[in-house]
Each structure stands twice: as structure tokens, then as C-alpha cells.
Amino acid sequence: MAYCKRHFLTASLVYLSFQGFSQEKLAVSKGNPIITNKYTADPAAFVYGDSVYLYTGHDVAPKSKNDYEMHEWLCYSSADMVNWKEHKSPLNVKDFAWAKDDAWASQVIERNGKFYWYVATEHGSIKGKSIGVAVADNPRGPFKDALGKALITNNMTTAVDITWDDIDPTVIIDDDGQAYLFWGNQRCYYAKLKANMIELDGEIKTISVPEFTEAPWVHKHKNWYYLSYASGFPEKIVYAMSKSINGPWDYKGILNEIAGNSNTNHQSIIDFKGKSYFIYHNGAINNDGGSYRRSVCIDDLHYNNDGTIKRIIMTTEGVRKVR
């Protein structure tokens, strides 16, 4: 997949002041990637009111380091999918006293006027990755640790003998009000959440789907549930469908091919103002080599009449403004 670097450096940045908030940047996207002034990864989008809120990780690896280095999460919002306000970073690994480092993949969801942010990070005293949860009264934050400890730690999951299987949390609230947390690497885990959104409600279960690597995302469209996830390495995004949040899941195959210049592939899928979107990252503006400086992109997503999803076409043009 060939990318023209010059094309990706055309997004303009304008500084605006918004009442009640510190100075914020407005990134006017001219295509993919949508943000070009810093590296963004592991996108998780969330529709609230008349806006899309986009939460990402922040790759900051120096040129001399070929590894993932991430310390904070970022927040953007848009009412039209083209003009993106960059808000002050609302959450940092340091906001979790029990965490060591690594601001890995995350997702925000709203319930009863509260906003819950589920994050993957390295635990400070229990070996391995863990999942924490932060809470705020506003989707822009600031967020604070909701538990004072991790929600999920590596010693709670034993399906695979690795220290990084507790990553990439995704949350869905079903039509009956029951919330579910999905996560995992090499094995896909899920569990019910209590109504308070900060405690598990029952046992941790596993899902059997082909070639699961990481990055689960669960969404519902009409009468179908969709479980998309990263598969293989370098990663493609594949998906499965079910009539129940508890499965069984019917594997449907590849959704998104390997993203250019990035070994990882991490997605979110949303509906907004009558259209469906596939949000992911690639390495299109990475001039330093490696696969550790990623950038968020958005392309259109389309469903077939039978509920299956058409292959995602990755573009440099990106998506059009919606109203």
C-alpha cells in the first residue's frame, strides 16, 4: 500500500479559545490521517450529543527507540467528522497510583451522566498488564481513578501464559441495560459489569474465534452484534457476528487489510448522523521507520442487506463533512 507523505501534511491547525476551557487546537482534516501534528494510536470513538469524541493513545517514541512509548491519552471531538477540536489531555498513567507506565488502548462510555474510561496499562506491583477505569462528569474530563486499584490484573486470567493478555478493553451496554467488558491478547475475554460500571458481575469467560490477536471491539447494528478484532501479525481486522452478546459468534473474515507502515491495527466502529464509520490507525506520516509512531484515520463503513460488512477501503481522501 503506497502513501504520499506530502498529502498527509496538509491538515491546518488553528488556535481557538472556548469559553470555560483552556486554549484548544482545531485540526481541519484534509484526508487521512486526520491528525498530523502528533502521533495518535488505538482510536476509540464515542458519540455523545451532536459530537463524536475520539480518544487515542499518544506515541512519543524518539527516533532512536523502536518500541512503543506512551504515557497519556488524548481527546478530540468533532460535530462533522472533519473539524476536530483537540482538548487538553484528560488522563495520564500518573493518574493511576497503582500503575507503572504504558498508556495503551482504551475506550470511554457514558452511563447515567457519568463517563467511564477503561484503559490498559502496566501494573506497578502485580506483574503484567492490567485494566483500570477512570470516571468524569464530562467527556472532556478531567478523569480520575474510579477504583484506586486495577479492575483486571494479570493473575485473574489464566487462559494463556503471558503477561500482556489483559489489554485493549472495550465496553458495550446492551439494550436491557447490562454492561459487558471485552478485552484480551491471544485470547478474548469478557465479563458482565455491575450497574456501577466499576465492578465485575460474575465470572470471566472466554470467546472462541479464529486467530484472535487483540483489539476487540463490540458494537450492535440493527439486530446483529459484531465482534471485530485484530488477527495475525502484522495485523488485519476481521470480524464475527451473533444474534446474542453471549454468542455463538459466526466468523465472517477480513474487514480491513494490513494498514500501511504499521504492524498493529486497532479499530472502532460507530454510527453518526446517519452514516457508519471505521476508525483505525496506520503509519502513513511516520518518517522515522519502525512501527511505533501511528496516526488515526477514518473511512466509510457499509453494511450489506444481510447484515455483513463490506470490506473497508482505506483511502487518502478520508470522509466527507456531515451535518
Protein backbone atom coordinates (compact mmCIF):
# COMPACT_ATOMS: atom_id res chain seq x y z
CA MET A 1 0.00 0.00 0.00
CA ALA A 2 1.69 3.24 -1.10
CA TYR A 3 1.20 6.52 0.69
CA CYS A 4 2.20 10.03 -0.37
CA LYS A 5 3.78 11.74 2.65
CA ARG A 6 3.23 15.21 1.21
CA HIS A 7 -0.54 14.59 1.08
CA PHE A 8 -0.74 13.85 4.78
CA LEU A 9 0.90 17.07 5.91
CA THR A 10 -1.87 19.34 4.66
CA ALA A 11 -4.11 19.48 7.74
CA SER A 12 -4.10 23.02 9.09
CA LEU A 13 -4.06 23.90 12.78
CA VAL A 14 -5.94 26.89 14.16
CA TYR A 15 -5.86 28.01 17.78
CA LEU A 16 -9.26 28.82 19.28
CA SER A 17 -10.46 29.77 22.74
CA PHE A 18 -13.60 28.06 24.03
CA GLN A 19 -15.48 29.53 26.97
CA GLY A 20 -14.77 27.62 30.17
CA PHE A 21 -11.81 25.71 28.70
CA SER A 22 -8.13 26.42 28.15
CA GLN A 23 -6.88 27.19 24.67
CA GLU A 24 -7.56 24.32 22.28
CA LYS A 25 -6.45 23.45 18.78
CA LEU A 26 -8.73 22.93 15.83
CA ALA A 27 -7.38 20.41 13.34
CA VAL A 28 -9.09 20.70 9.95
CA SER A 29 -8.65 17.32 8.32
CA LYS A 30 -7.76 17.26 4.64
CA GLY A 31 -7.74 13.47 4.48
CA ASN A 32 -6.11 10.53 6.21
CA PRO A 33 -4.55 10.61 8.72
CA ILE A 34 -6.89 13.12 10.33
CA ILE A 35 -4.36 14.42 12.92
CA THR A 36 -0.87 15.35 11.71
CA ASN A 37 0.69 17.46 14.47
CA LYS A 38 1.32 14.45 16.72
CA TYR A 39 1.16 10.68 16.58
CA THR A 40 -2.14 9.09 17.64
CA ALA A 41 -2.98 5.40 18.03
CA ASP A 42 -5.60 2.87 19.19
CA PRO A 43 -8.64 5.04 18.42
CA ALA A 44 -11.87 4.62 20.39
CA ALA A 45 -14.77 6.76 19.21
CA PHE A 46 -17.91 7.57 21.15
CA VAL A 47 -21.00 9.53 20.06
CA TYR A 48 -22.42 11.90 22.65
CA GLY A 49 -24.94 14.62 21.84
CA ASP A 50 -24.18 16.13 18.46
CA SER A 51 -20.48 15.24 18.52
CA VAL A 52 -18.08 12.36 18.14
CA TYR A 53 -15.49 12.09 20.88
CA LEU A 54 -12.28 10.39 19.81
CA TYR A 55 -9.92 9.01 22.46
CA THR A 56 -6.45 7.87 21.41
CA GLY A 57 -3.10 6.84 22.73
CA HIS A 58 -0.10 9.09 22.09
CA ASP A 59 3.02 7.57 20.54
CA VAL A 60 6.09 9.53 21.62
CA ALA A 61 8.92 7.08 20.85
CA PRO A 62 12.09 9.01 19.91
CA LYS A 63 13.89 8.28 16.66
CA SER A 64 16.44 6.13 18.49
CA LYS A 65 13.82 3.88 20.08
CA ASN A 66 11.97 1.18 18.17
CA ASP A 67 9.38 0.38 20.80
CA TYR A 68 6.00 1.68 21.94
CA GLU A 69 6.32 4.59 24.34
CA MET A 70 3.01 6.02 25.54
CA HIS A 71 2.30 7.94 28.75
CA GLU A 72 -1.01 9.77 28.24
CA TRP A 73 -4.33 9.51 26.43
CA LEU A 74 -5.66 12.20 24.11
CA CYS A 75 -9.17 13.51 23.44
CA TYR A 76 -10.63 15.08 20.30
CA SER A 77 -14.19 15.99 19.34
CA SER A 78 -15.99 16.80 16.11
CA ALA A 79 -19.51 17.67 15.03
CA ASP A 80 -18.84 16.98 11.35
CA MET A 81 -16.02 14.34 11.14
CA VAL A 82 -13.67 16.86 9.51
CA ASN A 83 -13.08 19.66 12.03
CA TRP A 84 -11.51 18.16 15.17
CA LYS A 85 -11.05 20.05 18.43
CA GLU A 86 -8.03 18.83 20.35
CA HIS A 87 -8.81 19.04 24.06
CA LYS A 88 -6.27 19.10 26.84
CA SER A 89 -5.14 15.55 27.66
CA PRO A 90 -7.73 14.38 30.22
CA LEU A 91 -5.90 11.30 31.53
CA ASN A 92 -2.32 10.19 32.20
CA VAL A 93 -0.82 6.97 33.54
CA LYS A 94 0.24 9.01 36.59
CA ASP A 95 -3.45 9.44 37.47
CA PHE A 96 -3.45 5.75 38.49
CA ALA A 97 -1.30 5.50 41.63
CA TRP A 98 -1.05 1.71 41.23
CA ALA A 99 0.14 1.86 37.60
CA LYS A 100 3.73 1.82 36.39
CA ASP A 101 3.54 3.10 32.80
CA ASP A 102 2.18 2.45 29.28
CA ALA A 103 -0.96 4.32 28.19
CA TRP A 104 -2.23 1.58 25.89
CA ALA A 105 -5.60 1.09 24.19
CA SER A 106 -8.76 2.35 25.89
CA GLN A 107 -12.44 3.18 25.49
CA VAL A 108 -14.93 5.64 27.01
CA ILE A 109 -18.64 5.02 27.56
CA GLU A 110 -21.39 7.04 29.24
CA ARG A 111 -23.89 5.83 31.82
CA ASN A 112 -26.30 7.93 33.90
CA GLY A 113 -24.43 11.15 33.22
CA LYS A 114 -21.02 9.73 34.15
CA PHE A 115 -18.24 8.92 31.71
CA TYR A 116 -16.18 5.80 32.31
CA TRP A 117 -12.77 5.34 30.71
CA TYR A 118 -11.36 1.80 30.60
CA VAL A 119 -7.62 1.71 29.95
CA ALA A 120 -4.80 -0.81 29.61
CA THR A 121 -1.57 -0.10 31.46
CA GLU A 122 1.34 -1.80 33.21
CA HIS A 123 0.69 -2.60 36.87
CA GLY A 124 3.18 -1.32 39.42
CA SER A 125 3.19 -4.28 41.78
CA ILE A 126 1.41 -7.16 40.02
CA LYS A 127 3.40 -8.46 37.07
CA GLY A 128 1.85 -7.76 33.69
CA LYS A 129 -0.69 -5.52 32.04
CA SER A 130 -3.89 -4.53 33.83
CA ILE A 131 -7.13 -2.74 33.09
CA GLY A 132 -8.12 0.31 35.09
CA VAL A 133 -11.16 2.54 34.98
CA ALA A 134 -11.40 6.31 35.39
CA VAL A 135 -14.51 8.46 35.72
CA ALA A 136 -15.54 12.03 34.91
CA ASP A 137 -18.63 14.23 34.76
CA ASN A 138 -17.73 15.46 31.27
CA PRO A 139 -16.49 13.58 28.19
CA ARG A 140 -13.57 16.03 28.04
CA GLY A 141 -12.61 15.23 31.61
CA PRO A 142 -10.70 15.66 33.75
CA PHE A 143 -10.87 11.96 34.63
CA LYS A 144 -9.81 10.39 37.90
CA ASP A 145 -9.22 6.82 39.03
CA ALA A 146 -12.64 5.39 39.89
CA LEU A 147 -11.39 2.45 41.97
CA GLY A 148 -7.99 3.24 43.41
CA LYS A 149 -6.89 -0.16 42.09
CA ALA A 150 -6.99 -2.15 38.87
CA LEU A 151 -10.27 -3.67 37.70
CA ILE A 152 -8.49 -6.54 35.94
CA THR A 153 -5.00 -7.85 36.76
CA ASN A 154 -2.91 -10.47 35.02
CA ASN A 155 -3.34 -13.04 37.80
CA MET A 156 -7.12 -13.04 37.21
CA THR A 157 -6.82 -14.51 33.70
CA THR A 158 -5.06 -17.82 33.03
CA ALA A 159 -6.25 -18.92 29.57
CA VAL A 160 -2.80 -18.10 28.15
CA ASP A 161 0.52 -17.93 29.96
CA ILE A 162 1.61 -14.42 29.04
CA THR A 163 1.78 -11.13 30.93
CA TRP A 164 0.08 -8.98 28.28
CA ASP A 165 -3.27 -10.72 27.75
CA ASP A 166 -5.16 -8.12 29.79
CA ILE A 167 -5.17 -5.25 27.31
CA ASP A 168 -7.45 -3.47 24.82
CA PRO A 169 -10.68 -3.06 26.84
CA THR A 170 -13.93 -2.38 25.03
CA VAL A 171 -17.34 -1.89 26.65
CA ILE A 172 -20.92 -2.15 25.43
CA ILE A 173 -24.20 -1.55 27.24
CA ASP A 174 -26.81 -3.91 25.84
CA ASP A 175 -30.44 -2.97 25.16
CA ASP A 176 -31.51 -4.43 28.52
CA GLY A 177 -29.06 -2.21 30.39
CA GLN A 178 -26.48 -4.91 31.09
CA ALA A 179 -22.91 -3.72 30.52
CA TYR A 180 -20.15 -6.01 29.25
CA LEU A 181 -16.38 -5.63 29.23
CA PHE A 182 -14.35 -7.36 26.49
CA TRP A 183 -10.55 -7.44 26.32
CA GLY A 184 -7.56 -9.63 25.61
CA ASN A 185 -4.47 -10.68 23.68
CA GLN A 186 -4.18 -14.19 22.20
CA ARG A 187 -7.45 -14.96 23.96
CA CYS A 188 -10.63 -12.88 24.00
CA TYR A 189 -12.12 -12.45 27.47
CA TYR A 190 -15.42 -10.93 28.52
CA ALA A 191 -17.41 -10.36 31.70
CA LYS A 192 -20.52 -8.59 32.90
CA LEU A 193 -20.16 -5.29 34.73
CA LYS A 194 -22.31 -4.19 37.63
CA ALA A 195 -24.52 -1.15 37.14
CA ASN A 196 -21.88 1.00 38.85
CA MET A 197 -19.55 0.19 35.90
CA ILE A 198 -16.52 -0.33 38.15
CA GLU A 199 -17.03 -3.92 39.37
CA LEU A 200 -17.30 -7.25 37.61
CA ASP A 201 -20.62 -9.03 37.96
CA GLY A 202 -19.78 -12.72 37.69
CA GLU A 203 -17.07 -14.87 36.19
CA ILE A 204 -14.63 -14.03 33.42
CA LYS A 205 -15.42 -16.02 30.27
CA THR A 206 -13.54 -16.63 27.03
CA ILE A 207 -14.73 -16.42 23.43
CA SER A 208 -13.62 -18.85 20.77
CA VAL A 209 -12.99 -17.07 17.47
CA PRO A 210 -10.35 -17.83 14.82
CA GLU A 211 -6.86 -16.33 15.03
CA PHE A 212 -7.62 -13.76 17.74
CA THR A 213 -4.64 -11.49 18.41
CA GLU A 214 -6.00 -8.41 20.21
CA ALA A 215 -8.06 -5.21 19.86
CA PRO A 216 -11.64 -6.47 20.31
CA TRP A 217 -14.43 -4.01 19.55
CA VAL A 218 -18.09 -4.89 20.08
CA HIS A 219 -20.96 -2.94 18.57
CA LYS A 220 -24.58 -3.54 17.60
CA HIS A 221 -26.27 -2.61 14.33
CA LYS A 222 -29.95 -3.34 13.89
CA ASN A 223 -30.44 -6.91 15.21
CA TRP A 224 -26.82 -8.03 14.92
CA TYR A 225 -23.90 -7.95 17.34
CA TYR A 226 -20.45 -7.56 15.84
CA LEU A 227 -17.13 -8.58 17.34
CA SER A 228 -14.23 -7.18 15.34
CA TYR A 229 -10.61 -7.75 16.31
CA ALA A 230 -7.00 -7.73 15.16
CA SER A 231 -5.79 -11.02 13.70
CA GLY A 232 -2.35 -12.31 12.76
CA PHE A 233 0.82 -10.21 12.70
CA PRO A 234 1.18 -7.79 11.01
CA GLU A 235 -2.45 -7.37 11.95
CA LYS A 236 -5.58 -7.36 9.83
CA ILE A 237 -9.01 -6.59 11.26
CA VAL A 238 -11.50 -9.44 11.00
CA TYR A 239 -14.99 -9.83 12.41
CA ALA A 240 -17.70 -12.20 13.59
CA MET A 241 -21.46 -11.79 14.02
CA SER A 242 -24.02 -13.05 16.50
CA LYS A 243 -27.67 -12.61 17.43
CA SER A 244 -26.63 -12.58 21.12
CA ILE A 245 -23.96 -10.70 23.03
CA ASN A 246 -23.04 -14.07 24.54
CA GLY A 247 -22.56 -15.73 21.15
CA PRO A 248 -22.10 -18.06 19.48
CA TRP A 249 -20.04 -15.92 17.12
CA ASP A 250 -20.08 -16.67 13.39
CA TYR A 251 -16.73 -15.75 11.83
CA LYS A 252 -17.08 -13.64 8.67
CA GLY A 253 -13.49 -12.97 7.63
CA ILE A 254 -11.35 -9.95 6.84
CA LEU A 255 -12.76 -6.47 7.35
CA ASN A 256 -9.65 -4.33 6.99
CA GLU A 257 -6.32 -5.33 5.46
CA ILE A 258 -2.88 -4.57 6.90
CA ALA A 259 -2.58 -0.83 7.46
CA GLY A 260 0.40 0.78 5.75
CA ASN A 261 3.66 1.03 7.71
CA SER A 262 2.10 -0.33 10.92
CA ASN A 263 2.35 -3.83 12.35
CA THR A 264 -0.67 -3.21 14.56
CA ASN A 265 -4.23 -2.40 13.54
CA HIS A 266 -6.79 -1.13 16.03
CA GLN A 267 -10.36 -0.12 15.16
CA SER A 268 -13.57 1.39 16.39
CA ILE A 269 -16.90 1.40 14.57
CA ILE A 270 -19.63 3.99 15.07
CA ASP A 271 -22.83 5.35 13.55
CA PHE A 272 -23.08 9.14 13.39
CA LYS A 273 -25.66 11.36 11.69
CA GLY A 274 -26.96 8.56 9.51
CA LYS A 275 -23.60 7.18 8.38
CA SER A 276 -21.28 4.43 9.60
CA TYR A 277 -17.55 4.88 10.10
CA PHE A 278 -14.46 2.72 10.52
CA ILE A 279 -11.75 4.42 12.59
CA TYR A 280 -8.27 2.92 12.70
CA HIS A 281 -4.58 3.81 12.67
CA ASN A 282 -1.73 3.43 10.22
CA GLY A 283 1.87 4.64 9.93
CA ALA A 284 1.40 6.98 6.98
CA ILE A 285 3.20 10.03 8.40
CA ASN A 286 5.90 8.08 10.22
CA ASN A 287 9.20 9.30 8.78
CA ASP A 288 11.37 7.55 11.37
CA GLY A 289 10.93 3.90 10.45
CA GLY A 290 9.64 1.11 12.65
CA SER A 291 6.00 0.66 13.56
CA TYR A 292 5.80 2.74 16.71
CA ARG A 293 4.56 6.11 15.50
CA ARG A 294 0.98 5.73 14.34
CA SER A 295 -1.79 8.03 13.14
CA VAL A 296 -5.59 7.81 13.24
CA CYS A 297 -7.59 7.53 10.01
CA ILE A 298 -11.31 7.37 9.21
CA ASP A 299 -13.07 5.73 6.29
CA ASP A 300 -16.68 4.92 5.46
CA LEU A 301 -18.22 1.61 6.53
CA HIS A 302 -21.10 -0.04 4.68
CA TYR A 303 -23.37 -2.95 5.57
CA ASN A 304 -24.82 -5.47 3.12
CA ASN A 305 -28.53 -6.32 3.19
CA ASP A 306 -27.84 -9.49 5.18
CA GLY A 307 -26.00 -7.55 7.89
CA THR A 308 -22.49 -8.48 6.83
CA ILE A 309 -19.99 -5.66 6.42
CA LYS A 310 -18.32 -4.73 3.16
CA ARG A 311 -14.53 -4.68 3.08
CA ILE A 312 -13.11 -1.39 4.28
CA ILE A 313 -11.44 0.64 1.55
CA MET A 314 -8.54 2.58 3.05
CA THR A 315 -8.25 5.97 1.39
CA THR A 316 -6.07 9.05 1.49
CA GLU A 317 -9.14 11.25 0.98
CA GLY A 318 -10.86 10.12 4.17
CA VAL A 319 -14.51 11.01 4.82
CA ARG A 320 -16.65 13.96 3.89
CA LYS A 321 -18.10 16.53 6.26
CA VAL A 322 -21.51 15.61 7.67
CA ARG A 323 -24.12 17.95 9.13
